[in-house]
């Protein structure tokens, strides 16, 4: 429901929206909404969420108070990547290859170049 609208206004708006091919409904029992960015998350506990469908296109409206949470970015380097960097960089140790991958945020080419210098 839209704040400040009485039930009669809401019904009129719903009828007009339906005529235009629009449908809006509340999503019940939403516990929280999380929006993830590369370095942080916006967490909206007890959010009110509305779903609007306009000719097959879904749009979500989220209402609530967001809390910003910083993400501790921990890179996971696959073993295959470590082996590839170790081999391509002239047979360096796997430990050195992993350290190079971590320092380059997992960029294979950059890690190989760094170890080849």
N, C-alpha and C. Protein backbone atom coordinates (compact mmCIF):
# COMPACT_ATOMS: atom_id res chain seq x y z
N UNK A 1 0.84 -1.19 0.00
CA UNK A 1 0.00 0.00 0.00
C UNK A 1 0.88 1.25 0.00
N UNK A 2 0.43 2.25 -0.66
CA UNK A 2 1.17 3.51 -0.75
C UNK A 2 0.82 4.38 0.44
N UNK A 3 1.83 4.89 1.16
CA UNK A 3 1.54 5.72 2.34
C UNK A 3 0.68 6.93 1.99
N UNK A 4 -0.28 7.25 2.86
CA UNK A 4 -1.12 8.43 2.68
C UNK A 4 -2.36 8.20 1.84
N UNK A 5 -2.54 6.99 1.31
CA UNK A 5 -3.73 6.69 0.50
C UNK A 5 -4.74 5.95 1.35
N UNK A 6 -6.00 6.38 1.23
CA UNK A 6 -7.03 5.63 1.93
C UNK A 6 -7.47 4.46 1.05
N UNK A 7 -8.17 3.49 1.61
CA UNK A 7 -8.54 2.29 0.84
C UNK A 7 -9.34 2.59 -0.43
N UNK A 8 -10.20 3.61 -0.40
CA UNK A 8 -11.00 3.96 -1.58
C UNK A 8 -10.09 4.45 -2.71
N UNK A 9 -9.13 5.33 -2.38
CA UNK A 9 -8.19 5.82 -3.38
C UNK A 9 -7.35 4.68 -3.94
N UNK A 10 -6.98 3.76 -3.07
CA UNK A 10 -6.17 2.62 -3.49
C UNK A 10 -6.94 1.76 -4.50
N UNK A 11 -8.21 1.49 -4.24
CA UNK A 11 -9.03 0.70 -5.16
C UNK A 11 -9.16 1.40 -6.51
N UNK A 12 -9.37 2.73 -6.50
CA UNK A 12 -9.48 3.48 -7.75
C UNK A 12 -8.17 3.39 -8.54
N UNK A 13 -7.05 3.52 -7.83
CA UNK A 13 -5.76 3.44 -8.49
C UNK A 13 -5.55 2.04 -9.09
N UNK A 14 -5.93 0.99 -8.35
CA UNK A 14 -5.79 -0.38 -8.85
C UNK A 14 -6.62 -0.59 -10.11
N UNK A 15 -7.83 -0.05 -10.15
CA UNK A 15 -8.67 -0.18 -11.35
C UNK A 15 -8.04 0.51 -12.55
N UNK A 16 -7.50 1.72 -12.33
CA UNK A 16 -6.85 2.45 -13.42
C UNK A 16 -5.61 1.71 -13.92
N UNK A 17 -4.85 1.17 -12.98
CA UNK A 17 -3.64 0.44 -13.36
C UNK A 17 -4.00 -0.80 -14.17
N UNK A 18 -5.06 -1.49 -13.75
CA UNK A 18 -5.48 -2.71 -14.47
C UNK A 18 -5.89 -2.37 -15.90
N UNK A 19 -6.55 -1.23 -16.10
CA UNK A 19 -6.94 -0.80 -17.44
C UNK A 19 -5.72 -0.57 -18.33
N UNK A 20 -4.61 -0.13 -17.70
CA UNK A 20 -3.39 0.14 -18.44
C UNK A 20 -2.48 -1.09 -18.55
N UNK A 21 -2.97 -2.24 -18.09
CA UNK A 21 -2.16 -3.45 -18.16
C UNK A 21 -1.14 -3.57 -17.05
N UNK A 22 -1.41 -2.91 -15.94
CA UNK A 22 -0.48 -2.93 -14.81
C UNK A 22 -1.14 -3.64 -13.63
N UNK A 23 -0.34 -4.42 -12.93
CA UNK A 23 -0.84 -5.11 -11.74
C UNK A 23 0.18 -4.92 -10.62
N UNK A 24 -0.31 -4.61 -9.42
CA UNK A 24 0.59 -4.40 -8.29
C UNK A 24 0.08 -5.21 -7.11
N UNK A 25 1.01 -5.93 -6.44
CA UNK A 25 0.60 -6.69 -5.26
C UNK A 25 1.72 -6.67 -4.24
N UNK A 26 1.34 -6.80 -2.97
CA UNK A 26 2.30 -6.87 -1.87
C UNK A 26 2.87 -8.28 -1.80
N UNK A 27 4.14 -8.38 -1.47
CA UNK A 27 4.76 -9.68 -1.21
C UNK A 27 4.76 -9.88 0.30
N UNK A 28 3.99 -10.85 0.81
CA UNK A 28 3.89 -11.03 2.26
C UNK A 28 5.11 -11.76 2.83
N UNK A 29 5.32 -11.60 4.12
CA UNK A 29 6.32 -12.35 4.89
C UNK A 29 7.76 -12.16 4.43
N UNK A 30 8.11 -10.97 3.92
CA UNK A 30 9.50 -10.70 3.54
C UNK A 30 10.27 -10.43 4.82
N UNK A 31 11.36 -11.19 5.04
CA UNK A 31 12.15 -11.03 6.25
C UNK A 31 13.18 -9.93 6.10
N UNK A 32 13.89 -9.89 4.96
CA UNK A 32 14.86 -8.84 4.70
C UNK A 32 15.18 -8.81 3.21
N UNK A 33 15.70 -7.66 2.79
CA UNK A 33 16.15 -7.49 1.41
C UNK A 33 17.62 -7.11 1.48
N UNK A 34 18.44 -7.78 0.65
CA UNK A 34 19.87 -7.49 0.61
C UNK A 34 20.25 -7.08 -0.80
N UNK A 35 20.87 -5.92 -0.91
CA UNK A 35 21.38 -5.43 -2.19
C UNK A 35 22.90 -5.48 -2.09
N UNK A 36 23.53 -6.29 -2.95
CA UNK A 36 24.98 -6.49 -2.86
C UNK A 36 25.71 -5.64 -3.90
N UNK A 37 26.74 -4.96 -3.41
CA UNK A 37 27.67 -4.22 -4.25
C UNK A 37 29.00 -4.95 -4.17
N UNK A 38 29.98 -4.48 -4.87
CA UNK A 38 31.28 -5.14 -4.85
C UNK A 38 31.94 -5.04 -3.46
N UNK A 39 31.77 -3.92 -2.79
CA UNK A 39 32.47 -3.72 -1.52
C UNK A 39 31.56 -3.56 -0.31
N UNK A 40 30.23 -3.62 -0.51
CA UNK A 40 29.31 -3.45 0.62
C UNK A 40 27.96 -4.08 0.29
N UNK A 41 27.12 -4.17 1.31
CA UNK A 41 25.75 -4.64 1.16
C UNK A 41 24.82 -3.63 1.83
N UNK A 42 23.66 -3.46 1.25
CA UNK A 42 22.59 -2.71 1.91
C UNK A 42 21.59 -3.75 2.39
N UNK A 43 21.40 -3.82 3.70
CA UNK A 43 20.48 -4.78 4.30
C UNK A 43 19.27 -4.00 4.80
N UNK A 44 18.08 -4.44 4.36
CA UNK A 44 16.84 -3.78 4.75
C UNK A 44 16.00 -4.81 5.50
N UNK A 45 16.11 -4.82 6.85
CA UNK A 45 15.32 -5.78 7.63
C UNK A 45 13.85 -5.36 7.66
N UNK A 46 12.98 -6.33 7.75
CA UNK A 46 11.53 -6.09 7.81
C UNK A 46 11.06 -5.16 6.70
N UNK A 47 11.55 -5.39 5.49
CA UNK A 47 11.19 -4.55 4.35
C UNK A 47 9.77 -4.85 3.87
N UNK A 48 9.12 -3.82 3.38
CA UNK A 48 7.84 -4.01 2.69
C UNK A 48 8.17 -4.03 1.20
N UNK A 49 7.73 -5.07 0.51
CA UNK A 49 8.07 -5.22 -0.90
C UNK A 49 6.78 -5.34 -1.71
N UNK A 50 6.69 -4.53 -2.76
CA UNK A 50 5.58 -4.58 -3.71
C UNK A 50 6.11 -5.02 -5.05
N UNK A 51 5.34 -5.83 -5.73
CA UNK A 51 5.68 -6.30 -7.06
C UNK A 51 4.72 -5.67 -8.05
N UNK A 52 5.28 -4.97 -9.05
CA UNK A 52 4.46 -4.36 -10.09
C UNK A 52 4.78 -5.07 -11.40
N UNK A 53 3.74 -5.53 -12.07
CA UNK A 53 3.89 -6.20 -13.35
C UNK A 53 3.26 -5.32 -14.42
N UNK A 54 4.08 -4.85 -15.34
CA UNK A 54 3.61 -4.00 -16.43
C UNK A 54 3.94 -4.72 -17.73
N UNK A 55 2.91 -5.29 -18.33
CA UNK A 55 3.05 -6.01 -19.59
C UNK A 55 4.20 -7.02 -19.56
N UNK A 56 4.27 -7.81 -18.48
CA UNK A 56 5.28 -8.86 -18.38
C UNK A 56 6.60 -8.42 -17.76
N UNK A 57 6.81 -7.13 -17.58
CA UNK A 57 8.04 -6.61 -16.97
C UNK A 57 7.80 -6.42 -15.49
N UNK A 58 8.58 -7.14 -14.64
CA UNK A 58 8.40 -7.05 -13.20
C UNK A 58 9.31 -5.99 -12.59
N UNK A 59 8.73 -5.17 -11.71
CA UNK A 59 9.48 -4.15 -10.98
C UNK A 59 9.15 -4.32 -9.50
N UNK A 60 10.20 -4.30 -8.67
CA UNK A 60 10.02 -4.45 -7.24
C UNK A 60 10.24 -3.10 -6.55
N UNK A 61 9.35 -2.77 -5.63
CA UNK A 61 9.47 -1.56 -4.84
C UNK A 61 9.74 -1.98 -3.40
N UNK A 62 10.85 -1.52 -2.84
CA UNK A 62 11.25 -1.90 -1.49
C UNK A 62 11.17 -0.67 -0.59
N UNK A 63 10.47 -0.82 0.54
CA UNK A 63 10.35 0.26 1.49
C UNK A 63 10.88 -0.21 2.84
N UNK A 64 11.75 0.59 3.43
CA UNK A 64 12.31 0.25 4.73
C UNK A 64 13.57 1.06 4.97
N UNK A 65 14.19 0.81 6.11
CA UNK A 65 15.41 1.51 6.48
C UNK A 65 16.61 0.61 6.21
N UNK A 66 17.52 1.08 5.38
CA UNK A 66 18.69 0.28 4.99
C UNK A 66 19.84 0.48 5.96
N UNK A 67 20.56 -0.61 6.19
CA UNK A 67 21.77 -0.58 7.00
C UNK A 67 22.92 -0.99 6.08
N UNK A 68 23.96 -0.16 6.03
CA UNK A 68 25.11 -0.45 5.16
C UNK A 68 26.10 -1.35 5.90
N UNK A 69 26.50 -2.45 5.22
CA UNK A 69 27.44 -3.40 5.81
C UNK A 69 28.62 -3.54 4.85
N UNK A 70 29.83 -3.30 5.37
CA UNK A 70 31.03 -3.46 4.55
C UNK A 70 31.31 -4.95 4.34
N UNK A 71 31.77 -5.31 3.15
CA UNK A 71 32.10 -6.69 2.85
C UNK A 71 33.60 -6.86 2.93
N UNK A 72 34.00 -7.88 3.65
CA UNK A 72 35.41 -8.22 3.72
C UNK A 72 35.70 -9.11 2.52
N UNK A 73 36.24 -8.53 1.48
CA UNK A 73 36.44 -9.27 0.23
C UNK A 73 37.58 -10.27 0.38
N UNK A 74 37.22 -11.54 0.38
CA UNK A 74 38.22 -12.59 0.45
C UNK A 74 38.21 -13.32 -0.89
N UNK A 75 39.35 -13.32 -1.53
CA UNK A 75 39.45 -13.94 -2.85
C UNK A 75 39.69 -15.43 -2.71
N UNK A 76 38.97 -16.22 -3.48
CA UNK A 76 39.18 -17.66 -3.52
C UNK A 76 39.85 -17.97 -4.85
N UNK A 77 41.05 -18.51 -4.77
CA UNK A 77 41.82 -18.82 -5.98
C UNK A 77 41.74 -20.33 -6.24
N UNK A 78 41.20 -20.74 -7.39
CA UNK A 78 41.13 -22.16 -7.70
C UNK A 78 42.54 -22.76 -7.87
N UNK A 79 42.68 -24.03 -7.49
CA UNK A 79 43.96 -24.74 -7.61
C UNK A 79 44.47 -24.75 -9.05
N UNK A 80 43.54 -24.86 -10.01
CA UNK A 80 43.95 -24.88 -11.43
C UNK A 80 44.63 -23.58 -11.81
N UNK A 81 44.12 -22.46 -11.30
CA UNK A 81 44.73 -21.16 -11.59
C UNK A 81 46.13 -21.06 -11.01
N UNK A 82 46.29 -21.58 -9.78
CA UNK A 82 47.61 -21.54 -9.13
C UNK A 82 48.61 -22.35 -9.94
N UNK A 83 48.20 -23.54 -10.37
CA UNK A 83 49.09 -24.40 -11.16
C UNK A 83 49.45 -23.74 -12.50
N UNK A 84 48.46 -23.14 -13.14
CA UNK A 84 48.71 -22.50 -14.44
C UNK A 84 49.71 -21.36 -14.29
N UNK A 85 49.51 -20.51 -13.27
CA UNK A 85 50.42 -19.38 -13.07
C UNK A 85 51.82 -19.89 -12.73
N UNK A 86 51.91 -20.91 -11.87
CA UNK A 86 53.21 -21.46 -11.50
C UNK A 86 53.95 -21.99 -12.72
N UNK A 87 53.26 -22.69 -13.61
CA UNK A 87 53.88 -23.25 -14.81
C UNK A 87 54.23 -22.18 -15.83
N UNK A 88 53.32 -21.24 -16.06
CA UNK A 88 53.53 -20.22 -17.08
C UNK A 88 54.59 -19.19 -16.67
N UNK A 89 54.80 -19.03 -15.38
CA UNK A 89 55.77 -18.03 -14.91
C UNK A 89 57.16 -18.63 -14.76
N UNK A 90 57.40 -19.76 -15.37
CA UNK A 90 58.74 -20.34 -15.35
C UNK A 90 58.99 -21.27 -14.19
N UNK A 91 57.95 -21.97 -13.78
CA UNK A 91 58.15 -22.98 -12.75
C UNK A 91 58.33 -22.43 -11.35
N UNK A 92 57.71 -21.32 -11.01
CA UNK A 92 57.79 -20.80 -9.65
C UNK A 92 56.97 -21.70 -8.72
N UNK A 93 57.16 -21.55 -7.42
CA UNK A 93 56.44 -22.39 -6.46
C UNK A 93 54.95 -22.04 -6.46
N UNK A 94 54.15 -23.00 -6.01
CA UNK A 94 52.70 -22.77 -5.94
C UNK A 94 52.37 -21.69 -4.91
N UNK A 95 53.17 -21.61 -3.87
CA UNK A 95 52.95 -20.58 -2.84
C UNK A 95 53.15 -19.20 -3.45
N UNK A 96 54.23 -19.04 -4.23
CA UNK A 96 54.50 -17.75 -4.89
C UNK A 96 53.40 -17.42 -5.90
N UNK A 97 52.95 -18.45 -6.62
CA UNK A 97 51.89 -18.24 -7.62
C UNK A 97 50.60 -17.80 -6.94
N UNK A 98 50.28 -18.43 -5.82
CA UNK A 98 49.06 -18.06 -5.10
C UNK A 98 49.16 -16.64 -4.55
N UNK A 99 50.30 -16.27 -4.00
CA UNK A 99 50.49 -14.91 -3.49
C UNK A 99 50.36 -13.87 -4.61
N UNK A 100 50.90 -14.20 -5.78
CA UNK A 100 50.79 -13.28 -6.91
C UNK A 100 49.34 -13.14 -7.36
N UNK A 101 48.60 -14.25 -7.36
CA UNK A 101 47.18 -14.19 -7.74
C UNK A 101 46.38 -13.38 -6.73
N UNK A 102 46.67 -13.54 -5.46
CA UNK A 102 45.95 -12.77 -4.43
C UNK A 102 46.26 -11.28 -4.58
N UNK A 103 47.52 -10.96 -4.82
CA UNK A 103 47.89 -9.54 -4.94
C UNK A 103 47.33 -8.89 -6.21
N UNK A 104 46.99 -9.71 -7.21
CA UNK A 104 46.41 -9.17 -8.45
C UNK A 104 44.90 -9.42 -8.54
N UNK A 105 44.29 -9.76 -7.39
CA UNK A 105 42.84 -10.02 -7.34
C UNK A 105 42.41 -11.11 -8.31
N UNK A 106 43.26 -12.13 -8.46
CA UNK A 106 42.90 -13.28 -9.29
C UNK A 106 43.16 -13.11 -10.77
N UNK A 107 43.79 -12.03 -11.19
CA UNK A 107 44.08 -11.79 -12.61
C UNK A 107 45.26 -12.66 -13.04
N UNK A 108 44.96 -13.69 -13.84
CA UNK A 108 45.99 -14.66 -14.24
C UNK A 108 47.14 -14.01 -15.00
N UNK A 109 46.81 -13.24 -16.02
CA UNK A 109 47.85 -12.64 -16.87
C UNK A 109 48.75 -11.70 -16.06
N UNK A 110 48.13 -10.90 -15.22
CA UNK A 110 48.90 -9.95 -14.41
C UNK A 110 49.83 -10.68 -13.42
N UNK A 111 49.31 -11.78 -12.85
CA UNK A 111 50.12 -12.56 -11.90
C UNK A 111 51.32 -13.20 -12.61
N UNK A 112 51.10 -13.72 -13.82
CA UNK A 112 52.20 -14.32 -14.59
C UNK A 112 53.24 -13.27 -14.92
N UNK A 113 52.79 -12.11 -15.38
CA UNK A 113 53.72 -11.01 -15.69
C UNK A 113 54.52 -10.58 -14.46
N UNK A 114 53.84 -10.49 -13.33
CA UNK A 114 54.49 -10.07 -12.09
C UNK A 114 55.59 -11.05 -11.70
N UNK A 115 55.33 -12.35 -11.85
CA UNK A 115 56.33 -13.37 -11.47
C UNK A 115 57.43 -13.53 -12.51
N UNK A 116 57.17 -13.14 -13.74
CA UNK A 116 58.16 -13.30 -14.82
C UNK A 116 59.19 -12.20 -14.83
N UNK A 117 58.98 -11.14 -14.10
CA UNK A 117 59.90 -10.00 -14.10
C UNK A 117 61.12 -10.23 -13.25
